[in-house]
N, C-alpha and C. Protein backbone atom coordinates (compact mmCIF):
# COMPACT_ATOMS: atom_id res chain seq x y z
N MET A 1 18.64 -36.15 123.31
CA MET A 1 19.76 -35.31 123.66
C MET A 1 20.16 -35.63 125.09
N ASN A 2 21.46 -35.79 125.36
CA ASN A 2 21.88 -36.14 126.71
C ASN A 2 21.84 -34.92 127.62
N LYS A 3 21.89 -35.18 128.94
CA LYS A 3 21.75 -34.11 129.94
C LYS A 3 22.85 -33.07 129.81
N LEU A 4 24.10 -33.49 129.55
CA LEU A 4 25.19 -32.54 129.42
C LEU A 4 24.96 -31.61 128.24
N ALA A 5 24.51 -32.15 127.12
CA ALA A 5 24.23 -31.32 125.95
C ALA A 5 23.09 -30.36 126.23
N GLN A 6 22.06 -30.82 126.94
CA GLN A 6 20.93 -29.94 127.26
C GLN A 6 21.39 -28.77 128.13
N THR A 7 22.15 -29.05 129.17
CA THR A 7 22.61 -28.00 130.07
C THR A 7 23.54 -27.03 129.35
N ALA A 8 24.36 -27.53 128.45
CA ALA A 8 25.27 -26.68 127.70
C ALA A 8 24.51 -25.73 126.77
N LEU A 9 23.31 -26.11 126.36
CA LEU A 9 22.53 -25.28 125.45
C LEU A 9 21.86 -24.10 126.14
N ILE A 10 21.74 -24.12 127.46
CA ILE A 10 21.02 -23.06 128.16
C ILE A 10 21.63 -21.69 127.87
N PRO A 11 22.94 -21.46 128.10
CA PRO A 11 23.47 -20.12 127.83
C PRO A 11 23.32 -19.72 126.36
N ALA A 12 23.51 -20.66 125.44
CA ALA A 12 23.36 -20.34 124.02
C ALA A 12 21.93 -19.95 123.69
N ALA A 13 20.97 -20.69 124.21
CA ALA A 13 19.55 -20.38 123.96
C ALA A 13 19.19 -19.03 124.55
N LEU A 14 19.69 -18.74 125.73
CA LEU A 14 19.39 -17.46 126.36
C LEU A 14 20.04 -16.31 125.61
N ALA A 15 21.23 -16.52 125.11
CA ALA A 15 21.90 -15.46 124.35
C ALA A 15 21.09 -15.08 123.12
N LEU A 16 20.43 -16.06 122.52
CA LEU A 16 19.62 -15.81 121.33
C LEU A 16 18.28 -15.16 121.64
N THR A 17 17.80 -15.30 122.88
CA THR A 17 16.45 -14.84 123.20
C THR A 17 16.39 -13.73 124.25
N LEU A 18 17.52 -13.25 124.74
CA LEU A 18 17.51 -12.30 125.83
C LEU A 18 17.21 -10.87 125.44
N THR A 19 17.26 -10.52 124.20
CA THR A 19 17.07 -9.13 123.80
C THR A 19 15.78 -8.59 124.38
N GLY A 20 15.90 -7.64 125.25
CA GLY A 20 14.72 -7.01 125.86
C GLY A 20 14.13 -7.77 127.03
N ALA A 21 14.59 -8.94 127.34
CA ALA A 21 13.96 -9.74 128.39
C ALA A 21 14.09 -9.09 129.75
N LEU A 22 15.19 -8.42 130.03
CA LEU A 22 15.37 -7.84 131.35
C LEU A 22 14.50 -6.61 131.56
N GLY A 23 13.89 -6.10 130.51
CA GLY A 23 13.01 -4.97 130.65
C GLY A 23 11.56 -5.36 130.84
N THR A 24 11.23 -6.63 130.77
CA THR A 24 9.85 -7.06 130.88
C THR A 24 9.43 -7.13 132.34
N ALA A 25 8.16 -6.92 132.57
CA ALA A 25 7.63 -6.99 133.94
C ALA A 25 7.32 -8.43 134.30
N SER A 26 7.53 -8.78 135.55
CA SER A 26 7.17 -10.10 136.03
C SER A 26 6.92 -10.01 137.53
N ALA A 27 6.26 -11.02 138.05
CA ALA A 27 5.99 -11.05 139.48
C ALA A 27 7.29 -11.17 140.25
N GLN A 28 7.37 -10.51 141.38
CA GLN A 28 8.57 -10.55 142.19
C GLN A 28 8.29 -11.26 143.50
N THR A 29 9.27 -12.03 143.96
CA THR A 29 9.13 -12.62 145.29
C THR A 29 9.88 -11.78 146.31
N THR A 30 10.71 -10.86 145.86
CA THR A 30 11.38 -9.92 146.75
C THR A 30 11.83 -8.72 145.92
N PRO A 31 11.77 -7.52 146.49
CA PRO A 31 12.22 -6.37 145.72
C PRO A 31 13.75 -6.33 145.64
N GLN A 32 14.29 -6.18 144.46
CA GLN A 32 15.71 -5.98 144.25
C GLN A 32 15.89 -5.29 142.92
N ALA A 33 17.08 -4.80 142.66
CA ALA A 33 17.32 -3.97 141.49
C ALA A 33 17.21 -4.74 140.18
N ARG A 34 17.68 -5.97 140.14
CA ARG A 34 17.69 -6.74 138.90
C ARG A 34 17.22 -8.16 139.14
N PRO A 35 16.67 -8.79 138.13
CA PRO A 35 16.29 -10.20 138.28
C PRO A 35 17.55 -11.04 138.46
N ASN A 36 17.42 -12.15 139.17
CA ASN A 36 18.58 -13.02 139.35
C ASN A 36 18.37 -14.41 138.78
N VAL A 37 17.16 -14.71 138.29
CA VAL A 37 16.89 -15.99 137.67
C VAL A 37 16.09 -15.76 136.39
N LEU A 38 16.55 -16.32 135.29
CA LEU A 38 15.82 -16.27 134.04
C LEU A 38 15.18 -17.63 133.83
N PHE A 39 13.88 -17.65 133.51
CA PHE A 39 13.19 -18.91 133.27
C PHE A 39 12.88 -19.05 131.79
N LEU A 40 13.23 -20.20 131.24
CA LEU A 40 13.03 -20.48 129.82
C LEU A 40 12.30 -21.81 129.67
N ALA A 41 11.18 -21.80 128.95
CA ALA A 41 10.48 -23.05 128.63
C ALA A 41 11.08 -23.57 127.33
N ASP A 42 12.17 -24.29 127.45
CA ASP A 42 12.99 -24.71 126.31
C ASP A 42 12.59 -26.12 125.84
N THR A 43 11.30 -26.33 125.62
CA THR A 43 10.84 -27.67 125.30
C THR A 43 10.62 -27.89 123.81
N GLY A 44 10.28 -26.83 123.09
CA GLY A 44 9.94 -27.01 121.68
C GLY A 44 8.58 -27.67 121.50
N ARG A 45 7.88 -27.91 122.58
CA ARG A 45 6.56 -28.53 122.52
C ARG A 45 5.48 -27.47 122.72
N PRO A 46 4.32 -27.65 122.09
CA PRO A 46 3.24 -26.69 122.29
C PRO A 46 2.64 -26.81 123.69
N GLY A 47 2.00 -25.75 124.11
CA GLY A 47 1.33 -25.76 125.41
C GLY A 47 1.99 -24.81 126.38
N ALA A 48 1.16 -24.11 127.13
CA ALA A 48 1.65 -23.14 128.10
C ALA A 48 1.85 -23.80 129.45
N VAL A 49 2.80 -23.23 130.22
CA VAL A 49 3.08 -23.73 131.57
C VAL A 49 3.02 -22.58 132.56
N ASP A 50 2.78 -22.92 133.81
CA ASP A 50 2.81 -21.97 134.91
C ASP A 50 3.99 -22.33 135.81
N VAL A 51 4.66 -21.32 136.36
CA VAL A 51 5.83 -21.52 137.21
C VAL A 51 5.47 -21.12 138.64
N TYR A 52 5.75 -22.03 139.57
CA TYR A 52 5.48 -21.81 140.99
C TYR A 52 6.80 -21.81 141.75
N VAL A 53 6.95 -20.87 142.68
CA VAL A 53 8.10 -20.86 143.57
C VAL A 53 7.55 -20.92 144.99
N ASP A 54 7.97 -21.95 145.70
CA ASP A 54 7.52 -22.17 147.08
C ASP A 54 6.00 -22.15 147.19
N GLY A 55 5.33 -22.73 146.19
CA GLY A 55 3.88 -22.86 146.22
C GLY A 55 3.09 -21.68 145.67
N THR A 56 3.76 -20.59 145.30
CA THR A 56 3.09 -19.41 144.77
C THR A 56 3.34 -19.29 143.28
N ARG A 57 2.27 -19.15 142.50
CA ARG A 57 2.43 -18.98 141.06
C ARG A 57 3.02 -17.60 140.78
N ILE A 58 4.15 -17.57 140.06
CA ILE A 58 4.79 -16.29 139.77
C ILE A 58 4.89 -16.02 138.27
N GLU A 59 4.66 -17.02 137.44
CA GLU A 59 4.61 -16.84 135.99
C GLU A 59 3.46 -17.70 135.49
N ALA A 60 2.63 -17.16 134.59
CA ALA A 60 1.49 -17.91 134.07
C ALA A 60 1.51 -17.88 132.55
N GLY A 61 1.16 -18.99 131.94
CA GLY A 61 1.01 -19.05 130.50
C GLY A 61 2.30 -18.94 129.71
N VAL A 62 3.41 -19.41 130.25
CA VAL A 62 4.70 -19.34 129.56
C VAL A 62 4.73 -20.40 128.46
N GLN A 63 5.14 -19.97 127.27
CA GLN A 63 5.23 -20.90 126.14
C GLN A 63 6.67 -21.00 125.66
N ALA A 64 6.96 -22.06 124.93
CA ALA A 64 8.31 -22.30 124.43
C ALA A 64 8.78 -21.18 123.52
N THR A 65 7.87 -20.47 122.90
CA THR A 65 8.25 -19.39 121.98
C THR A 65 8.44 -18.05 122.68
N ASP A 66 8.15 -17.97 123.98
CA ASP A 66 8.29 -16.73 124.74
C ASP A 66 9.75 -16.42 125.06
N ARG A 67 10.01 -15.14 125.29
CA ARG A 67 11.32 -14.74 125.81
C ARG A 67 11.45 -15.27 127.24
N PRO A 68 12.66 -15.40 127.72
CA PRO A 68 12.82 -15.87 129.11
C PRO A 68 12.12 -14.94 130.09
N GLY A 69 11.46 -15.53 131.07
CA GLY A 69 10.85 -14.75 132.14
C GLY A 69 11.90 -14.37 133.16
N THR A 70 11.71 -13.25 133.81
CA THR A 70 12.66 -12.79 134.81
C THR A 70 12.08 -12.99 136.20
N LEU A 71 12.83 -13.67 137.05
CA LEU A 71 12.39 -13.96 138.40
C LEU A 71 13.31 -13.27 139.39
N PHE A 72 12.76 -12.83 140.50
CA PHE A 72 13.50 -12.20 141.57
C PHE A 72 13.37 -13.10 142.79
N LEU A 73 14.40 -13.88 143.10
CA LEU A 73 14.34 -14.80 144.23
C LEU A 73 15.31 -14.37 145.32
N THR A 74 14.87 -14.48 146.57
CA THR A 74 15.75 -14.17 147.69
C THR A 74 16.80 -15.25 147.80
N PRO A 75 17.98 -14.92 148.33
CA PRO A 75 18.97 -15.96 148.58
C PRO A 75 18.40 -17.02 149.51
N GLY A 76 18.74 -18.27 149.24
CA GLY A 76 18.25 -19.38 150.04
C GLY A 76 17.69 -20.47 149.16
N THR A 77 17.05 -21.44 149.79
CA THR A 77 16.52 -22.60 149.10
C THR A 77 15.07 -22.36 148.71
N HIS A 78 14.75 -22.68 147.46
CA HIS A 78 13.39 -22.52 146.93
C HIS A 78 12.99 -23.78 146.17
N VAL A 79 11.71 -24.13 146.26
CA VAL A 79 11.17 -25.23 145.47
C VAL A 79 10.48 -24.62 144.26
N VAL A 80 10.94 -25.01 143.07
CA VAL A 80 10.36 -24.52 141.82
C VAL A 80 9.59 -25.67 141.18
N THR A 81 8.33 -25.41 140.84
CA THR A 81 7.48 -26.41 140.21
C THR A 81 6.90 -25.80 138.95
N VAL A 82 6.89 -26.59 137.88
CA VAL A 82 6.29 -26.17 136.62
C VAL A 82 5.10 -27.09 136.35
N LYS A 83 3.94 -26.45 136.11
CA LYS A 83 2.70 -27.19 135.86
C LYS A 83 2.11 -26.79 134.52
N THR A 84 1.28 -27.66 133.97
CA THR A 84 0.57 -27.28 132.75
C THR A 84 -0.37 -26.13 133.09
N ASN A 85 -0.53 -25.22 132.13
CA ASN A 85 -1.39 -24.07 132.34
C ASN A 85 -2.85 -24.49 132.44
N ARG A 86 -3.20 -25.49 131.70
CA ARG A 86 -4.57 -26.04 131.77
C ARG A 86 -4.51 -27.38 132.47
N GLY A 87 -5.21 -27.50 133.56
CA GLY A 87 -5.26 -28.76 134.28
C GLY A 87 -4.32 -28.84 135.47
N GLY A 88 -3.25 -28.07 135.46
CA GLY A 88 -2.34 -28.04 136.60
C GLY A 88 -1.52 -29.29 136.85
N GLU A 89 -1.30 -30.09 135.82
CA GLU A 89 -0.48 -31.30 135.97
C GLU A 89 0.98 -30.89 136.19
N VAL A 90 1.62 -31.48 137.20
CA VAL A 90 3.03 -31.18 137.48
C VAL A 90 3.90 -31.82 136.40
N LEU A 91 4.69 -30.97 135.73
CA LEU A 91 5.61 -31.45 134.70
C LEU A 91 6.99 -31.72 135.28
N ALA A 92 7.45 -30.83 136.16
CA ALA A 92 8.77 -30.98 136.77
C ALA A 92 8.83 -30.15 138.04
N THR A 93 9.65 -30.60 138.97
CA THR A 93 9.89 -29.84 140.19
C THR A 93 11.35 -30.03 140.60
N THR A 94 11.91 -29.00 141.20
CA THR A 94 13.29 -29.07 141.67
C THR A 94 13.48 -28.10 142.82
N THR A 95 14.51 -28.33 143.59
CA THR A 95 14.89 -27.43 144.66
C THR A 95 16.16 -26.71 144.22
N VAL A 96 16.15 -25.38 144.31
CA VAL A 96 17.32 -24.59 143.92
C VAL A 96 17.81 -23.81 145.13
N ASN A 97 19.12 -23.68 145.24
CA ASN A 97 19.72 -22.88 146.29
C ASN A 97 20.29 -21.63 145.63
N VAL A 98 19.64 -20.50 145.86
CA VAL A 98 20.01 -19.24 145.22
C VAL A 98 20.98 -18.49 146.14
N LEU A 99 22.12 -18.13 145.57
CA LEU A 99 23.11 -17.33 146.30
C LEU A 99 22.96 -15.88 145.91
N GLY A 100 23.31 -14.98 146.81
CA GLY A 100 23.27 -13.56 146.49
C GLY A 100 24.31 -13.20 145.44
N ASN A 101 24.04 -12.20 144.65
CA ASN A 101 24.96 -11.71 143.61
C ASN A 101 25.36 -12.77 142.60
N THR A 102 24.46 -13.70 142.31
CA THR A 102 24.71 -14.74 141.32
C THR A 102 23.53 -14.79 140.37
N LEU A 103 23.82 -14.89 139.08
CA LEU A 103 22.78 -15.00 138.07
C LEU A 103 22.56 -16.46 137.71
N TYR A 104 21.29 -16.81 137.48
CA TYR A 104 20.94 -18.19 137.16
C TYR A 104 20.01 -18.22 135.95
N ALA A 105 20.03 -19.36 135.27
CA ALA A 105 19.04 -19.67 134.25
C ALA A 105 18.42 -20.99 134.64
N LEU A 106 17.11 -21.04 134.63
CA LEU A 106 16.37 -22.25 134.93
C LEU A 106 15.56 -22.59 133.69
N SER A 107 15.81 -23.76 133.15
CA SER A 107 15.21 -24.12 131.88
C SER A 107 14.39 -25.40 132.00
N LEU A 108 13.13 -25.33 131.58
CA LEU A 108 12.30 -26.53 131.48
C LEU A 108 12.68 -27.20 130.17
N GLN A 109 13.15 -28.43 130.26
CA GLN A 109 13.64 -29.14 129.08
C GLN A 109 13.00 -30.51 128.98
N ASN A 110 13.07 -31.05 127.78
CA ASN A 110 12.61 -32.40 127.56
C ASN A 110 13.61 -33.11 126.65
N ASP A 111 13.59 -34.41 126.74
CA ASP A 111 14.43 -35.25 125.88
C ASP A 111 13.49 -35.87 124.86
N GLU A 112 13.83 -35.74 123.58
CA GLU A 112 12.92 -36.27 122.56
C GLU A 112 12.72 -37.77 122.67
N ASP A 113 13.59 -38.46 123.40
CA ASP A 113 13.47 -39.91 123.53
C ASP A 113 12.60 -40.35 124.70
N THR A 114 12.23 -39.40 125.59
CA THR A 114 11.40 -39.75 126.74
C THR A 114 10.26 -38.75 126.88
N PRO A 115 9.15 -39.15 127.48
CA PRO A 115 7.99 -38.25 127.56
C PRO A 115 8.08 -37.21 128.66
N GLY A 116 8.99 -37.31 129.61
CA GLY A 116 9.03 -36.41 130.75
C GLY A 116 9.79 -35.12 130.52
N TYR A 117 9.81 -34.30 131.56
CA TYR A 117 10.49 -33.00 131.55
C TYR A 117 11.47 -32.94 132.71
N THR A 118 12.46 -32.06 132.59
CA THR A 118 13.39 -31.79 133.68
C THR A 118 13.58 -30.27 133.79
N LEU A 119 14.01 -29.84 134.95
CA LEU A 119 14.40 -28.45 135.16
C LEU A 119 15.92 -28.42 135.31
N ALA A 120 16.59 -27.73 134.39
CA ALA A 120 18.05 -27.63 134.42
C ALA A 120 18.44 -26.24 134.88
N LEU A 121 19.39 -26.17 135.81
CA LEU A 121 19.85 -24.91 136.37
C LEU A 121 21.28 -24.64 135.92
N ALA A 122 21.54 -23.43 135.47
CA ALA A 122 22.90 -23.02 135.09
C ALA A 122 23.20 -21.70 135.78
N SER A 123 24.48 -21.51 136.11
CA SER A 123 24.91 -20.25 136.73
C SER A 123 26.38 -20.04 136.42
N GLY A 124 26.90 -18.94 136.92
CA GLY A 124 28.33 -18.71 136.79
C GLY A 124 28.68 -17.70 135.73
N ALA A 125 29.93 -17.77 135.29
CA ALA A 125 30.48 -16.79 134.36
C ALA A 125 29.71 -16.73 133.05
N ALA A 126 29.25 -17.86 132.55
CA ALA A 126 28.50 -17.88 131.29
C ALA A 126 27.24 -17.05 131.41
N MET A 127 26.53 -17.15 132.52
CA MET A 127 25.31 -16.37 132.71
C MET A 127 25.61 -14.88 132.84
N SER A 128 26.67 -14.54 133.52
CA SER A 128 27.04 -13.13 133.65
C SER A 128 27.34 -12.53 132.30
N LYS A 129 28.01 -13.26 131.44
CA LYS A 129 28.32 -12.77 130.10
C LYS A 129 27.06 -12.57 129.28
N VAL A 130 26.12 -13.50 129.38
CA VAL A 130 24.88 -13.40 128.61
C VAL A 130 24.07 -12.19 129.06
N VAL A 131 23.90 -12.03 130.37
CA VAL A 131 23.05 -10.97 130.90
C VAL A 131 23.72 -9.60 130.77
N ASN A 132 25.00 -9.52 131.08
CA ASN A 132 25.69 -8.23 131.10
C ASN A 132 26.37 -7.87 129.79
N GLY A 133 26.40 -8.80 128.84
CA GLY A 133 27.01 -8.53 127.55
C GLY A 133 28.52 -8.42 127.61
N ASP A 134 29.13 -9.06 128.61
CA ASP A 134 30.60 -9.02 128.74
C ASP A 134 31.29 -9.84 127.67
């Protein structure tokens, strides 16, 4: 699957899996009223992953079959790293610039034609519609 198709699938995948996700508890990096980043392990591959933001593990044991995790990130630049839950092998890392009052989806993805993983970031009107039901 090409990168454009993968990124286009993020809002659709989240729309199908968001029911109840905003009510789940998750580690916070800053107190705020609502989560601003949804994390989805959209790989279709078995195995749990851990999510690190700026070197601190904030989600553990996330699987492809789980609902999106909710992250609370302060505005600014953050380094997000996803590692295997067992062994701690780095699967993907990226730097994201989080703006205030903006919703994001961060998806761990893979291409069936290659063995690696990528982190795809989506934001904007599509995310607002998914989260707020507009």
